[in-house]
Amino acid sequence: MPAKGFLSREQQVTLQKALKEEQHPDIRERILILLLLNDGKTQPQIAYFIGCSVRKVAYWSLHGDPDNLDSLKDKRMEGNHKKAVVINM
């Protein structure tokens, strides 16, 4: 688990801006996990506050990279590719 204050000031500003602008709720939740970890909250405290499992907080605290916001996305977010549309004439 990262130590309190592990984020640089630049990383904090970037994450806070992304938290405000991000449309996808899962990404916002993961950003919030990183920010709360930086504030010194424990994983159970964060899980209780957000309303998710401790396992989820533990996963994203290790796999979330504050320098690469794309690391907060998972394969399920890619979704289905657009299908060809058939137009009857």
PDB file of N, CA and C in Angstrom:
ATOM      1  N   MET A   1       0.854  -1.181   0.000  1.00  0.00           N
ATOM      2  CA  MET A   1       0.000   0.000   0.000  1.00  0.00           C
ATOM      3  C   MET A   1       0.891   1.232   0.000  1.00  0.00           C
ATOM      4  N   PRO A   2       0.601   2.199  -0.857  1.00  0.00           N
ATOM      5  CA  PRO A   2       1.413   3.416  -0.912  1.00  0.00           C
ATOM      6  C   PRO A   2       1.353   4.202   0.402  1.00  0.00           C
ATOM      7  N   ALA A   3       2.412   4.935   0.657  1.00  0.00           N
ATOM      8  CA  ALA A   3       2.485   5.749   1.868  1.00  0.00           C
ATOM      9  C   ALA A   3       1.742   7.066   1.666  1.00  0.00           C
ATOM     10  N   LYS A   4       1.392   7.691   2.780  1.00  0.00           N
ATOM     11  CA  LYS A   4       0.713   8.980   2.726  1.00  0.00           C
ATOM     12  C   LYS A   4       1.599   9.983   1.993  1.00  0.00           C
ATOM     13  N   GLY A   5       1.019  10.735   1.086  1.00  0.00           N
ATOM     14  CA  GLY A   5       1.750  11.755   0.354  1.00  0.00           C
ATOM     15  C   GLY A   5       2.641  11.199  -0.748  1.00  0.00           C
ATOM     16  N   PHE A   6       2.271  10.045  -1.304  1.00  0.00           N
ATOM     17  CA  PHE A   6       3.096   9.431  -2.344  1.00  0.00           C
ATOM     18  C   PHE A   6       2.964  10.122  -3.695  1.00  0.00           C
ATOM     19  N   LEU A   7       1.924  10.919  -3.871  1.00  0.00           N
ATOM     20  CA  LEU A   7       1.726  11.633  -5.132  1.00  0.00           C
ATOM     21  C   LEU A   7       2.452  12.970  -5.090  1.00  0.00           C
ATOM     22  N   SER A   8       3.043  13.333  -6.215  1.00  0.00           N
ATOM     23  CA  SER A   8       3.643  14.663  -6.326  1.00  0.00           C
ATOM     24  C   SER A   8       2.510  15.681  -6.486  1.00  0.00           C
ATOM     25  N   ARG A   9       2.841  16.928  -6.327  1.00  0.00           N
ATOM     26  CA  ARG A   9       1.827  17.989  -6.467  1.00  0.00           C
ATOM     27  C   ARG A   9       1.250  17.985  -7.885  1.00  0.00           C
ATOM     28  N   GLU A  10       2.113  17.757  -8.873  1.00  0.00           N
ATOM     29  CA  GLU A  10       1.663  17.687 -10.264  1.00  0.00           C
ATOM     30  C   GLU A  10       0.653  16.558 -10.473  1.00  0.00           C
ATOM     31  N   GLN A  11       0.956  15.387  -9.906  1.00  0.00           N
ATOM     32  CA  GLN A  11       0.063  14.235 -10.037  1.00  0.00           C
ATOM     33  C   GLN A  11      -1.278  14.515  -9.360  1.00  0.00           C
ATOM     34  N   GLN A  12      -1.242  15.172  -8.198  1.00  0.00           N
ATOM     35  CA  GLN A  12      -2.481  15.508  -7.494  1.00  0.00           C
ATOM     36  C   GLN A  12      -3.350  16.423  -8.338  1.00  0.00           C
ATOM     37  N   VAL A  13      -2.754  17.444  -8.922  1.00  0.00           N
ATOM     38  CA  VAL A  13      -3.506  18.399  -9.739  1.00  0.00           C
ATOM     39  C   VAL A  13      -4.104  17.697 -10.956  1.00  0.00           C
ATOM     40  N   THR A  14      -3.306  16.832 -11.593  1.00  0.00           N
ATOM     41  CA  THR A  14      -3.788  16.097 -12.766  1.00  0.00           C
ATOM     42  C   THR A  14      -4.957  15.197 -12.397  1.00  0.00           C
ATOM     43  N   LEU A  15      -4.839  14.478 -11.289  1.00  0.00           N
ATOM     44  CA  LEU A  15      -5.915  13.575 -10.866  1.00  0.00           C
ATOM     45  C   LEU A  15      -7.170  14.344 -10.461  1.00  0.00           C
ATOM     46  N   GLN A  16      -7.007  15.464  -9.770  1.00  0.00           N
ATOM     47  CA  GLN A  16      -8.168  16.256  -9.361  1.00  0.00           C
ATOM     48  C   GLN A  16      -8.892  16.831 -10.577  1.00  0.00           C
ATOM     49  N   LYS A  17      -8.127  17.252 -11.574  1.00  0.00           N
ATOM     50  CA  LYS A  17      -8.737  17.765 -12.803  1.00  0.00           C
ATOM     51  C   LYS A  17      -9.477  16.645 -13.530  1.00  0.00           C
ATOM     52  N   ALA A  18      -8.847  15.474 -13.606  1.00  0.00           N
ATOM     53  CA  ALA A  18      -9.478  14.329 -14.273  1.00  0.00           C
ATOM     54  C   ALA A  18     -10.723  13.881 -13.522  1.00  0.00           C
ATOM     55  N   LEU A  19     -10.711  13.981 -12.198  1.00  0.00           N
ATOM     56  CA  LEU A  19     -11.871  13.603 -11.388  1.00  0.00           C
ATOM     57  C   LEU A  19     -13.076  14.476 -11.737  1.00  0.00           C
ATOM     58  N   LYS A  20     -12.833  15.737 -11.993  1.00  0.00           N
ATOM     59  CA  LYS A  20     -13.920  16.658 -12.343  1.00  0.00           C
ATOM     60  C   LYS A  20     -14.420  16.463 -13.770  1.00  0.00           C
ATOM     61  N   GLU A  21     -13.502  16.098 -14.682  1.00  0.00           N
ATOM     62  CA  GLU A  21     -13.843  16.064 -16.100  1.00  0.00           C
ATOM     63  C   GLU A  21     -14.238  14.690 -16.622  1.00  0.00           C
ATOM     64  N   GLU A  22     -13.850  13.641 -15.934  1.00  0.00           N
ATOM     65  CA  GLU A  22     -14.090  12.274 -16.427  1.00  0.00           C
ATOM     66  C   GLU A  22     -15.579  11.950 -16.437  1.00  0.00           C
ATOM     67  N   GLN A  23     -16.038  11.349 -17.537  1.00  0.00           N
ATOM     68  CA  GLN A  23     -17.444  11.001 -17.689  1.00  0.00           C
ATOM     69  C   GLN A  23     -17.778   9.629 -17.093  1.00  0.00           C
ATOM     70  N   HIS A  24     -16.840   8.705 -17.147  1.00  0.00           N
ATOM     71  CA  HIS A  24     -17.104   7.327 -16.731  1.00  0.00           C
ATOM     72  C   HIS A  24     -17.003   7.205 -15.201  1.00  0.00           C
ATOM     73  N   PRO A  25     -18.056   6.724 -14.543  1.00  0.00           N
ATOM     74  CA  PRO A  25     -18.050   6.656 -13.076  1.00  0.00           C
ATOM     75  C   PRO A  25     -16.990   5.713 -12.496  1.00  0.00           C
ATOM     76  N   ASP A  26     -16.654   4.641 -13.204  1.00  0.00           N
ATOM     77  CA  ASP A  26     -15.630   3.720 -12.695  1.00  0.00           C
ATOM     78  C   ASP A  26     -14.257   4.386 -12.667  1.00  0.00           C
ATOM     79  N   ILE A  27     -13.960   5.172 -13.665  1.00  0.00           N
ATOM     80  CA  ILE A  27     -12.684   5.877 -13.706  1.00  0.00           C
ATOM     81  C   ILE A  27     -12.627   6.911 -12.582  1.00  0.00           C
ATOM     82  N   ARG A  28     -13.726   7.631 -12.372  1.00  0.00           N
ATOM     83  CA  ARG A  28     -13.766   8.614 -11.280  1.00  0.00           C
ATOM     84  C   ARG A  28     -13.553   7.931  -9.934  1.00  0.00           C
ATOM     85  N   GLU A  29     -14.151   6.769  -9.758  1.00  0.00           N
ATOM     86  CA  GLU A  29     -13.997   6.021  -8.516  1.00  0.00           C
ATOM     87  C   GLU A  29     -12.531   5.624  -8.297  1.00  0.00           C
ATOM     88  N   ARG A  30     -11.857   5.190  -9.342  1.00  0.00           N
ATOM     89  CA  ARG A  30     -10.463   4.766  -9.249  1.00  0.00           C
ATOM     90  C   ARG A  30      -9.543   5.951  -8.974  1.00  0.00           C
ATOM     91  N   ILE A  31      -9.851   7.088  -9.579  1.00  0.00           N
ATOM     92  CA  ILE A  31      -9.075   8.306  -9.298  1.00  0.00           C
ATOM     93  C   ILE A  31      -9.256   8.697  -7.836  1.00  0.00           C
ATOM     94  N   LEU A  32     -10.478   8.623  -7.351  1.00  0.00           N
ATOM     95  CA  LEU A  32     -10.771   8.953  -5.965  1.00  0.00           C
ATOM     96  C   LEU A  32     -10.025   8.024  -5.009  1.00  0.00           C
ATOM     97  N   ILE A  33      -9.906   6.754  -5.354  1.00  0.00           N
ATOM     98  CA  ILE A  33      -9.150   5.799  -4.538  1.00  0.00           C
ATOM     99  C   ILE A  33      -7.710   6.277  -4.395  1.00  0.00           C
ATOM    100  N   LEU A  34      -7.088   6.660  -5.509  1.00  0.00           N
ATOM    101  CA  LEU A  34      -5.698   7.119  -5.458  1.00  0.00           C
ATOM    102  C   LEU A  34      -5.554   8.392  -4.624  1.00  0.00           C
ATOM    103  N   LEU A  35      -6.492   9.314  -4.784  1.00  0.00           N
ATOM    104  CA  LEU A  35      -6.418  10.564  -4.023  1.00  0.00           C
ATOM    105  C   LEU A  35      -6.616  10.328  -2.519  1.00  0.00           C
ATOM    106  N   LEU A  36      -7.533   9.441  -2.169  1.00  0.00           N
ATOM    107  CA  LEU A  36      -7.753   9.147  -0.748  1.00  0.00           C
ATOM    108  C   LEU A  36      -6.575   8.396  -0.138  1.00  0.00           C
ATOM    109  N   LEU A  37      -5.954   7.522  -0.896  1.00  0.00           N
ATOM    110  CA  LEU A  37      -4.742   6.852  -0.428  1.00  0.00           C
ATOM    111  C   LEU A  37      -3.644   7.877  -0.166  1.00  0.00           C
ATOM    112  N   ASN A  38      -3.547   8.856  -1.037  1.00  0.00           N
ATOM    113  CA  ASN A  38      -2.547   9.906  -0.864  1.00  0.00           C
ATOM    114  C   ASN A  38      -2.804  10.724   0.401  1.00  0.00           C
ATOM    115  N   ASP A  39      -4.060  10.847   0.792  1.00  0.00           N
ATOM    116  CA  ASP A  39      -4.412  11.584   2.008  1.00  0.00           C
ATOM    117  C   ASP A  39      -4.180  10.776   3.281  1.00  0.00           C
ATOM    118  N   GLY A  40      -3.795   9.501   3.129  1.00  0.00           N
ATOM    119  CA  GLY A  40      -3.485   8.694   4.300  1.00  0.00           C
ATOM    120  C   GLY A  40      -4.624   7.815   4.784  1.00  0.00           C
ATOM    121  N   LYS A  41      -5.692   7.724   4.033  1.00  0.00           N
ATOM    122  CA  LYS A  41      -6.809   6.845   4.413  1.00  0.00           C
ATOM    123  C   LYS A  41      -6.402   5.390   4.195  1.00  0.00           C
ATOM    124  N   THR A  42      -6.915   4.507   5.016  1.00  0.00           N
ATOM    125  CA  THR A  42      -6.627   3.089   4.858  1.00  0.00           C
ATOM    126  C   THR A  42      -7.568   2.491   3.822  1.00  0.00           C
ATOM    127  N   GLN A  43      -7.210   1.321   3.339  1.00  0.00           N
ATOM    128  CA  GLN A  43      -8.047   0.667   2.333  1.00  0.00           C
ATOM    129  C   GLN A  43      -9.456   0.372   2.861  1.00  0.00           C
ATOM    130  N   PRO A  44      -9.613  -0.143   4.091  1.00  0.00           N
ATOM    131  CA  PRO A  44     -10.991  -0.349   4.594  1.00  0.00           C
ATOM    132  C   PRO A  44     -11.773   0.960   4.734  1.00  0.00           C
ATOM    133  N   GLN A  45     -11.107   2.041   5.127  1.00  0.00           N
ATOM    134  CA  GLN A  45     -11.789   3.333   5.238  1.00  0.00           C
ATOM    135  C   GLN A  45     -12.274   3.805   3.864  1.00  0.00           C
ATOM    136  N   ILE A  46     -11.433   3.640   2.861  1.00  0.00           N
ATOM    137  CA  ILE A  46     -11.801   4.052   1.502  1.00  0.00           C
ATOM    138  C   ILE A  46     -12.952   3.199   0.986  1.00  0.00           C
ATOM    139  N   ALA A  47     -12.876   1.888   1.211  1.00  0.00           N
ATOM    140  CA  ALA A  47     -13.941   0.990   0.751  1.00  0.00           C
ATOM    141  C   ALA A  47     -15.270   1.365   1.394  1.00  0.00           C
ATOM    142  N   TYR A  48     -15.266   1.674   2.674  1.00  0.00           N
ATOM    143  CA  TYR A  48     -16.489   2.068   3.375  1.00  0.00           C
ATOM    144  C   TYR A  48     -17.006   3.399   2.824  1.00  0.00           C
ATOM    145  N   PHE A  49     -16.107   4.357   2.619  1.00  0.00           N
ATOM    146  CA  PHE A  49     -16.487   5.683   2.140  1.00  0.00           C
ATOM    147  C   PHE A  49     -17.095   5.628   0.741  1.00  0.00           C
ATOM    148  N   ILE A  50     -16.460   4.868  -0.148  1.00  0.00           N
ATOM    149  CA  ILE A  50     -16.923   4.778  -1.534  1.00  0.00           C
ATOM    150  C   ILE A  50     -18.099   3.814  -1.666  1.00  0.00           C
ATOM    151  N   GLY A  51     -18.108   2.787  -0.831  1.00  0.00           N
ATOM    152  CA  GLY A  51     -19.163   1.779  -0.922  1.00  0.00           C
ATOM    153  C   GLY A  51     -18.783   0.648  -1.855  1.00  0.00           C
ATOM    154  N   CYS A  52     -17.521   0.264  -1.827  1.00  0.00           N
ATOM    155  CA  CYS A  52     -17.061  -0.847  -2.650  1.00  0.00           C
ATOM    156  C   CYS A  52     -16.290  -1.822  -1.765  1.00  0.00           C
ATOM    157  N   SER A  53     -15.728  -2.847  -2.366  1.00  0.00           N
ATOM    158  CA  SER A  53     -15.006  -3.850  -1.591  1.00  0.00           C
ATOM    159  C   SER A  53     -13.568  -3.398  -1.327  1.00  0.00           C
ATOM    160  N   VAL A  54     -13.007  -3.931  -0.252  1.00  0.00           N
ATOM    161  CA  VAL A  54     -11.605  -3.657   0.071  1.00  0.00           C
ATOM    162  C   VAL A  54     -10.712  -4.254  -1.020  1.00  0.00           C
ATOM    163  N   ARG A  55     -11.148  -5.358  -1.570  1.00  0.00           N
ATOM    164  CA  ARG A  55     -10.392  -6.008  -2.645  1.00  0.00           C
ATOM    165  C   ARG A  55     -10.238  -5.078  -3.852  1.00  0.00           C
ATOM    166  N   LYS A  56     -11.295  -4.379  -4.184  1.00  0.00           N
ATOM    167  CA  LYS A  56     -11.255  -3.445  -5.308  1.00  0.00           C
ATOM    168  C   LYS A  56     -10.288  -2.298  -5.019  1.00  0.00           C
ATOM    169  N   VAL A  57     -10.322  -1.776  -3.810  1.00  0.00           N
ATOM    170  CA  VAL A  57      -9.419  -0.693  -3.421  1.00  0.00           C
ATOM    171  C   VAL A  57      -7.974  -1.185  -3.463  1.00  0.00           C
ATOM    172  N   ALA A  58      -7.735  -2.390  -2.961  1.00  0.00           N
ATOM    173  CA  ALA A  58      -6.383  -2.949  -2.958  1.00  0.00           C
ATOM    174  C   ALA A  58      -5.873  -3.134  -4.380  1.00  0.00           C
ATOM    175  N   TYR A  59      -6.738  -3.608  -5.269  1.00  0.00           N
ATOM    176  CA  TYR A  59      -6.336  -3.824  -6.658  1.00  0.00           C
ATOM    177  C   TYR A  59      -5.918  -2.517  -7.317  1.00  0.00           C
ATOM    178  N   TRP A  60      -6.758  -1.498  -7.212  1.00  0.00           N
ATOM    179  CA  TRP A  60      -6.475  -0.248  -7.907  1.00  0.00           C
ATOM    180  C   TRP A  60      -5.383   0.561  -7.227  1.00  0.00           C
ATOM    181  N   SER A  61      -5.140   0.331  -5.946  1.00  0.00           N
ATOM    182  CA  SER A  61      -4.029   1.023  -5.301  1.00  0.00           C
ATOM    183  C   SER A  61      -2.695   0.495  -5.820  1.00  0.00           C
ATOM    184  N   LEU A  62      -2.668  -0.755  -6.277  1.00  0.00           N
ATOM    185  CA  LEU A  62      -1.449  -1.325  -6.840  1.00  0.00           C
ATOM    186  C   LEU A  62      -1.350  -1.130  -8.350  1.00  0.00           C
ATOM    187  N   HIS A  63      -2.455  -1.233  -9.061  1.00  0.00           N
ATOM    188  CA  HIS A  63      -2.425  -1.221 -10.517  1.00  0.00           C
ATOM    189  C   HIS A  63      -2.711   0.143 -11.138  1.00  0.00           C
ATOM    190  N   GLY A  64      -3.229   1.074 -10.376  1.00  0.00           N
ATOM    191  CA  GLY A  64      -3.517   2.402 -10.911  1.00  0.00           C
ATOM    192  C   GLY A  64      -2.251   3.242 -10.943  1.00  0.00           C
ATOM    193  N   ASP A  65      -1.916   3.762 -12.107  1.00  0.00           N
ATOM    194  CA  ASP A  65      -0.725   4.590 -12.275  1.00  0.00           C
ATOM    195  C   ASP A  65      -1.163   6.048 -12.373  1.00  0.00           C
ATOM    196  N   PRO A  66      -0.803   6.888 -11.406  1.00  0.00           N
ATOM    197  CA  PRO A  66      -1.240   8.290 -11.443  1.00  0.00           C
ATOM    198  C   PRO A  66      -0.674   9.078 -12.619  1.00  0.00           C
ATOM    199  N   ASP A  67       0.412   8.587 -13.230  1.00  0.00           N
ATOM    200  CA  ASP A  67       0.990   9.271 -14.383  1.00  0.00           C
ATOM    201  C   ASP A  67       0.348   8.847 -15.693  1.00  0.00           C
ATOM    202  N   ASN A  68      -0.402   7.747 -15.678  1.00  0.00           N
ATOM    203  CA  ASN A  68      -1.019   7.221 -16.897  1.00  0.00           C
ATOM    204  C   ASN A  68      -2.483   6.911 -16.598  1.00  0.00           C
ATOM    205  N   LEU A  69      -3.356   7.839 -16.920  1.00  0.00           N
ATOM    206  CA  LEU A  69      -4.775   7.659 -16.608  1.00  0.00           C
ATOM    207  C   LEU A  69      -5.401   6.517 -17.402  1.00  0.00           C
ATOM    208  N   ASP A  70      -4.774   6.124 -18.510  1.00  0.00           N
ATOM    209  CA  ASP A  70      -5.283   4.978 -19.266  1.00  0.00           C
ATOM    210  C   ASP A  70      -5.128   3.678 -18.481  1.00  0.00           C
ATOM    211  N   SER A  71      -4.248   3.664 -17.485  1.00  0.00           N
ATOM    212  CA  SER A  71      -4.083   2.461 -16.663  1.00  0.00           C
ATOM    213  C   SER A  71      -5.309   2.219 -15.783  1.00  0.00           C
ATOM    214  N   LEU A  72      -6.166   3.223 -15.646  1.00  0.00           N
ATOM    215  CA  LEU A  72      -7.364   3.083 -14.825  1.00  0.00           C
ATOM    216  C   LEU A  72      -8.533   2.486 -15.610  1.00  0.00           C
ATOM    217  N   LYS A  73      -8.326   2.255 -16.891  1.00  0.00           N
ATOM    218  CA  LYS A  73      -9.360   1.622 -17.711  1.00  0.00           C
ATOM    219  C   LYS A  73      -9.125   0.128 -17.723  1.00  0.00           C
ATOM    220  N   ASP A  74     -10.192  -0.626 -17.904  1.00  0.00           N
ATOM    221  CA  ASP A  74     -10.041  -2.068 -18.048  1.00  0.00           C
ATOM    222  C   ASP A  74     -10.601  -2.498 -19.404  1.00  0.00           C
ATOM    223  N   LYS A  75     -10.364  -3.729 -19.755  1.00  0.00           N
ATOM    224  CA  LYS A  75     -10.740  -4.229 -21.082  1.00  0.00           C
ATOM    225  C   LYS A  75     -12.242  -4.184 -21.321  1.00  0.00           C
ATOM    226  N   ARG A  76     -13.026  -4.268 -20.265  1.00  0.00           N
ATOM    227  CA  ARG A  76     -14.485  -4.260 -20.432  1.00  0.00           C
ATOM    228  C   ARG A  76     -14.993  -2.916 -20.932  1.00  0.00           C
ATOM    229  N   MET A  77     -14.216  -1.853 -20.721  1.00  0.00           N
ATOM    230  CA  MET A  77     -14.663  -0.520 -21.131  1.00  0.00           C
ATOM    231  C   MET A  77     -14.571  -0.310 -22.633  1.00  0.00           C
ATOM    232  N   GLU A  78     -13.827  -1.162 -23.309  1.00  0.00           N
ATOM    233  CA  GLU A  78     -13.705  -1.011 -24.753  1.00  0.00           C
ATOM    234  C   GLU A  78     -15.029  -1.286 -25.445  1.00  0.00           C
ATOM    235  N   GLY A  79     -15.830  -2.174 -24.865  1.00  0.00           N
ATOM    236  CA  GLY A  79     -17.164  -2.439 -25.386  1.00  0.00           C
ATOM    237  C   GLY A  79     -17.162  -3.162 -26.709  1.00  0.00           C
ATOM    238  N   ASN A  80     -18.335  -3.308 -27.263  1.00  0.00           N
ATOM    239  CA  ASN A  80     -18.477  -3.962 -28.563  1.00  0.00           C
ATOM    240  C   ASN A  80     -18.090  -2.999 -29.668  1.00  0.00           C
ATOM    241  N   HIS A  81     -17.513  -3.550 -30.691  1.00  0.00           N
ATOM    242  CA  HIS A  81     -17.200  -2.726 -31.836  1.00  0.00           C
ATOM    243  C   HIS A  81     -18.497  -2.459 -32.598  1.00  0.00           C
ATOM    244  N   LYS A  82     -18.514  -1.361 -33.294  1.00  0.00           N
ATOM    245  CA  LYS A  82     -19.729  -1.009 -34.033  1.00  0.00           C
ATOM    246  C   LYS A  82     -19.977  -2.032 -35.124  1.00  0.00           C
ATOM    247  N   LYS A  83     -21.211  -2.406 -35.236  1.00  0.00           N
ATOM    248  CA  LYS A  83     -21.617  -3.372 -36.242  1.00  0.00           C
ATOM    249  C   LYS A  83     -21.974  -2.654 -37.535  1.00  0.00           C
ATOM    250  N   ALA A  84     -21.891  -3.366 -38.615  1.00  0.00           N
ATOM    251  CA  ALA A  84     -22.323  -2.795 -39.899  1.00  0.00           C
ATOM    252  C   ALA A  84     -23.834  -2.639 -39.884  1.00  0.00           C
ATOM    253  N   VAL A  85     -24.303  -1.556 -40.403  1.00  0.00           N
ATOM    254  CA  VAL A  85     -25.726  -1.260 -40.436  1.00  0.00           C
ATOM    255  C   VAL A  85     -26.260  -1.603 -41.829  1.00  0.00           C
ATOM    256  N   VAL A  86     -27.328  -2.379 -41.884  1.00  0.00           N
ATOM    257  CA  VAL A  86     -27.956  -2.732 -43.144  1.00  0.00           C
ATOM    258  C   VAL A  86     -29.160  -1.832 -43.329  1.00  0.00           C
ATOM    259  N   ILE A  87     -29.192  -1.157 -44.456  1.00  0.00           N
ATOM    260  CA  ILE A  87     -30.307  -0.253 -44.741  1.00  0.00           C
ATOM    261  C   ILE A  87     -31.132  -0.890 -45.857  1.00  0.00           C
ATOM    262  N   ASN A  88     -32.392  -1.114 -45.578  1.00  0.00           N
ATOM    263  CA  ASN A  88     -33.311  -1.663 -46.602  1.00  0.00           C
ATOM    264  C   ASN A  88     -33.832  -0.528 -47.460  1.00  0.00           C
ATOM    265  N   MET A  89     -33.768  -0.747 -48.758  1.00  0.00           N
ATOM    266  CA  MET A  89     -34.251   0.293 -49.673  1.00  0.00           C
ATOM    267  C   MET A  89     -35.478  -0.161 -50.381  1.00  0.00           C
TER     268      MET A  89
END
